[in-house]
Amino acid sequence: MPTTPIPAPRIADLIENPSLLRPTELFLLRNTRPVNVWGLPAISVPCGFTKEGLPIGLQIVGPPGGEAKVLRAAHAYEKFTKKK
């Protein structure tokens, strides 16, 4: 799943409108917070960029005790998508 549901906000935008900081933070954590609460192993790997050049992350989540599976999946993904 995507690590975050939206691209990272620009810091300048948040500085300009600080009232957006907390709502934006909560929205950005929407995909990762449940995984943390449930205590599941997860990793985020880079998987591309937006049109604006902001990074996009892919979150790989495993079953309880599945840390090795998560790391193997992340390694396989990075190996398969590595630029030659």
N, C-alpha and C. Protein backbone atom coordinates (compact mmCIF):
# COMPACT_ATOMS: atom_id res chain seq x y z
N MET A 1 0.85 -1.17 0.00
CA MET A 1 0.00 0.00 0.00
C MET A 1 0.89 1.23 0.00
N PRO A 2 0.35 2.39 -0.38
CA PRO A 2 1.17 3.60 -0.29
C PRO A 2 1.53 3.88 1.17
N THR A 3 2.72 4.37 1.41
CA THR A 3 3.10 4.72 2.77
C THR A 3 2.25 5.87 3.28
N THR A 4 2.01 6.85 2.43
CA THR A 4 1.13 7.97 2.78
C THR A 4 0.07 8.11 1.69
N PRO A 5 -1.13 8.60 2.06
CA PRO A 5 -2.21 8.70 1.08
C PRO A 5 -2.06 9.89 0.13
N ILE A 6 -1.16 10.81 0.45
CA ILE A 6 -0.92 11.98 -0.40
C ILE A 6 0.58 12.24 -0.43
N PRO A 7 1.07 12.96 -1.43
CA PRO A 7 2.49 13.32 -1.42
C PRO A 7 2.81 14.21 -0.22
N ALA A 8 4.06 14.22 0.16
CA ALA A 8 4.49 15.06 1.27
C ALA A 8 4.17 16.53 0.97
N PRO A 9 3.66 17.24 1.97
CA PRO A 9 3.38 18.66 1.75
C PRO A 9 4.69 19.45 1.72
N ARG A 10 4.66 20.56 1.06
CA ARG A 10 5.83 21.43 1.04
C ARG A 10 5.89 22.19 2.36
N ILE A 11 7.07 22.25 2.94
CA ILE A 11 7.24 22.92 4.23
C ILE A 11 6.80 24.38 4.13
N ALA A 12 7.11 25.02 3.02
CA ALA A 12 6.73 26.43 2.84
C ALA A 12 5.21 26.61 2.95
N ASP A 13 4.45 25.65 2.44
CA ASP A 13 2.99 25.74 2.53
C ASP A 13 2.51 25.63 3.97
N LEU A 14 3.16 24.77 4.75
CA LEU A 14 2.77 24.60 6.15
C LEU A 14 3.19 25.81 6.99
N ILE A 15 4.33 26.38 6.66
CA ILE A 15 4.77 27.59 7.37
C ILE A 15 3.81 28.74 7.09
N GLU A 16 3.38 28.81 5.84
CA GLU A 16 2.44 29.87 5.45
C GLU A 16 1.09 29.72 6.15
N ASN A 17 0.67 28.47 6.39
CA ASN A 17 -0.62 28.23 7.02
C ASN A 17 -0.45 27.16 8.11
N PRO A 18 0.07 27.55 9.30
CA PRO A 18 0.35 26.58 10.35
C PRO A 18 -0.86 25.80 10.84
N SER A 19 -2.05 26.32 10.63
CA SER A 19 -3.25 25.61 11.08
C SER A 19 -3.45 24.31 10.31
N LEU A 20 -2.76 24.15 9.20
CA LEU A 20 -2.86 22.92 8.41
C LEU A 20 -1.90 21.83 8.89
N LEU A 21 -0.96 22.19 9.77
CA LEU A 21 0.07 21.23 10.18
C LEU A 21 -0.51 19.98 10.81
N ARG A 22 -1.30 20.11 11.86
CA ARG A 22 -1.83 18.93 12.57
C ARG A 22 -2.79 18.11 11.71
N PRO A 23 -3.76 18.74 11.01
CA PRO A 23 -4.63 17.93 10.15
C PRO A 23 -3.86 17.21 9.05
N THR A 24 -2.85 17.87 8.51
CA THR A 24 -2.05 17.23 7.45
C THR A 24 -1.26 16.06 8.03
N GLU A 25 -0.69 16.26 9.22
CA GLU A 25 0.06 15.19 9.87
C GLU A 25 -0.82 13.97 10.12
N LEU A 26 -2.01 14.19 10.64
CA LEU A 26 -2.92 13.07 10.91
C LEU A 26 -3.30 12.35 9.62
N PHE A 27 -3.52 13.10 8.55
CA PHE A 27 -3.87 12.49 7.27
C PHE A 27 -2.69 11.68 6.72
N LEU A 28 -1.48 12.23 6.85
CA LEU A 28 -0.30 11.52 6.35
C LEU A 28 -0.06 10.20 7.08
N LEU A 29 -0.47 10.12 8.35
CA LEU A 29 -0.26 8.91 9.14
C LEU A 29 -1.37 7.87 8.97
N ARG A 30 -2.34 8.17 8.13
CA ARG A 30 -3.52 7.30 7.99
C ARG A 30 -3.16 5.87 7.60
N ASN A 31 -2.14 5.66 6.79
CA ASN A 31 -1.79 4.31 6.34
C ASN A 31 -0.80 3.61 7.27
N THR A 32 -0.03 4.39 8.02
CA THR A 32 0.99 3.77 8.87
C THR A 32 0.53 3.59 10.32
N ARG A 33 -0.32 4.46 10.79
CA ARG A 33 -0.75 4.39 12.20
C ARG A 33 -1.40 3.05 12.56
N PRO A 34 -2.35 2.53 11.78
CA PRO A 34 -2.95 1.24 12.16
C PRO A 34 -1.92 0.11 12.25
N VAL A 35 -0.97 0.11 11.35
CA VAL A 35 0.07 -0.92 11.35
C VAL A 35 0.87 -0.84 12.65
N ASN A 36 1.19 0.38 13.07
CA ASN A 36 1.93 0.56 14.32
C ASN A 36 1.09 0.14 15.52
N VAL A 37 -0.17 0.53 15.54
CA VAL A 37 -1.06 0.18 16.66
C VAL A 37 -1.20 -1.34 16.77
N TRP A 38 -1.32 -2.02 15.64
CA TRP A 38 -1.48 -3.47 15.63
C TRP A 38 -0.17 -4.20 15.88
N GLY A 39 0.95 -3.47 15.86
CA GLY A 39 2.25 -4.08 16.13
C GLY A 39 2.75 -4.97 15.01
N LEU A 40 2.36 -4.65 13.79
CA LEU A 40 2.79 -5.46 12.65
C LEU A 40 4.12 -4.95 12.10
N PRO A 41 4.96 -5.86 11.60
CA PRO A 41 6.21 -5.41 10.99
C PRO A 41 5.92 -4.76 9.64
N ALA A 42 6.60 -3.66 9.39
CA ALA A 42 6.40 -2.94 8.13
C ALA A 42 7.67 -2.21 7.75
N ILE A 43 7.78 -1.93 6.46
CA ILE A 43 8.90 -1.15 5.95
C ILE A 43 8.39 -0.30 4.79
N SER A 44 8.99 0.85 4.64
CA SER A 44 8.65 1.72 3.52
C SER A 44 9.85 1.78 2.59
N VAL A 45 9.61 1.54 1.32
CA VAL A 45 10.68 1.60 0.32
C VAL A 45 10.30 2.62 -0.75
N PRO A 46 11.29 3.32 -1.31
CA PRO A 46 10.99 4.27 -2.37
C PRO A 46 10.45 3.55 -3.60
N CYS A 47 9.43 4.15 -4.23
CA CYS A 47 8.88 3.48 -5.42
C CYS A 47 8.58 4.46 -6.56
N GLY A 48 9.06 5.66 -6.46
CA GLY A 48 8.85 6.60 -7.56
C GLY A 48 8.76 8.03 -7.07
N PHE A 49 8.31 8.89 -7.99
CA PHE A 49 8.21 10.31 -7.70
C PHE A 49 6.93 10.87 -8.31
N THR A 50 6.40 11.92 -7.69
CA THR A 50 5.24 12.62 -8.25
C THR A 50 5.70 13.45 -9.44
N LYS A 51 4.74 14.04 -10.15
CA LYS A 51 5.09 14.93 -11.27
C LYS A 51 5.95 16.09 -10.79
N GLU A 52 5.76 16.48 -9.51
CA GLU A 52 6.52 17.59 -8.95
C GLU A 52 7.89 17.17 -8.41
N GLY A 53 8.19 15.89 -8.51
CA GLY A 53 9.49 15.40 -8.06
C GLY A 53 9.54 14.99 -6.60
N LEU A 54 8.38 14.90 -5.93
CA LEU A 54 8.35 14.46 -4.53
C LEU A 54 8.38 12.94 -4.47
N PRO A 55 9.07 12.39 -3.48
CA PRO A 55 9.18 10.93 -3.40
C PRO A 55 7.87 10.27 -2.99
N ILE A 56 7.69 9.05 -3.49
CA ILE A 56 6.53 8.22 -3.14
C ILE A 56 7.07 6.96 -2.49
N GLY A 57 6.43 6.54 -1.40
CA GLY A 57 6.87 5.34 -0.69
C GLY A 57 5.84 4.22 -0.78
N LEU A 58 6.34 3.01 -0.84
CA LEU A 58 5.53 1.79 -0.83
C LEU A 58 5.71 1.14 0.54
N GLN A 59 4.62 0.94 1.27
CA GLN A 59 4.70 0.30 2.58
C GLN A 59 4.39 -1.19 2.43
N ILE A 60 5.31 -2.00 2.89
CA ILE A 60 5.13 -3.45 2.87
C ILE A 60 4.86 -3.88 4.31
N VAL A 61 3.74 -4.54 4.54
CA VAL A 61 3.31 -4.94 5.88
C VAL A 61 3.24 -6.46 5.94
N GLY A 62 3.70 -7.01 7.05
CA GLY A 62 3.68 -8.46 7.22
C GLY A 62 2.86 -8.90 8.42
N PRO A 63 2.75 -10.19 8.59
CA PRO A 63 2.01 -10.74 9.73
C PRO A 63 2.83 -10.62 11.01
N PRO A 64 2.18 -10.78 12.16
CA PRO A 64 2.94 -10.77 13.41
C PRO A 64 4.11 -11.75 13.34
N GLY A 65 5.27 -11.28 13.73
CA GLY A 65 6.46 -12.13 13.69
C GLY A 65 7.06 -12.29 12.30
N GLY A 66 6.52 -11.58 11.32
CA GLY A 66 6.98 -11.74 9.94
C GLY A 66 8.03 -10.75 9.50
N GLU A 67 8.87 -10.31 10.43
CA GLU A 67 9.89 -9.32 10.08
C GLU A 67 10.78 -9.79 8.93
N ALA A 68 11.20 -11.05 8.98
CA ALA A 68 12.08 -11.57 7.93
C ALA A 68 11.37 -11.57 6.58
N LYS A 69 10.10 -11.90 6.55
CA LYS A 69 9.33 -11.87 5.30
C LYS A 69 9.24 -10.47 4.74
N VAL A 70 9.01 -9.50 5.62
CA VAL A 70 8.90 -8.11 5.19
C VAL A 70 10.24 -7.64 4.60
N LEU A 71 11.32 -7.96 5.28
CA LEU A 71 12.64 -7.55 4.79
C LEU A 71 12.98 -8.24 3.47
N ARG A 72 12.62 -9.51 3.34
CA ARG A 72 12.88 -10.22 2.07
C ARG A 72 12.06 -9.60 0.94
N ALA A 73 10.81 -9.26 1.21
CA ALA A 73 9.96 -8.65 0.19
C ALA A 73 10.51 -7.29 -0.22
N ALA A 74 10.95 -6.49 0.75
CA ALA A 74 11.51 -5.17 0.44
C ALA A 74 12.79 -5.32 -0.37
N HIS A 75 13.62 -6.27 0.01
CA HIS A 75 14.87 -6.49 -0.73
C HIS A 75 14.58 -6.95 -2.16
N ALA A 76 13.63 -7.86 -2.31
CA ALA A 76 13.28 -8.34 -3.65
C ALA A 76 12.72 -7.20 -4.51
N TYR A 77 11.87 -6.37 -3.92
CA TYR A 77 11.30 -5.24 -4.66
C TYR A 77 12.41 -4.29 -5.11
N GLU A 78 13.29 -3.93 -4.19
CA GLU A 78 14.36 -3.01 -4.55
C GLU A 78 15.29 -3.61 -5.58
N LYS A 79 15.59 -4.90 -5.46
CA LYS A 79 16.46 -5.57 -6.42
C LYS A 79 15.81 -5.61 -7.81
N PHE A 80 14.51 -5.90 -7.86
CA PHE A 80 13.79 -6.00 -9.12
C PHE A 80 13.65 -4.63 -9.80
N THR A 81 13.51 -3.57 -9.01
CA THR A 81 13.26 -2.24 -9.58
C THR A 81 14.53 -1.39 -9.68
N LYS A 82 15.66 -1.94 -9.27
CA LYS A 82 16.92 -1.18 -9.29
C LYS A 82 17.31 -0.83 -10.73
N LYS A 83 17.71 0.42 -10.90
CA LYS A 83 18.17 0.87 -12.22
C LYS A 83 19.54 0.25 -12.49
N LYS A 84 19.71 -0.16 -13.72
CA LYS A 84 20.97 -0.80 -14.09
C LYS A 84 21.90 0.18 -14.72
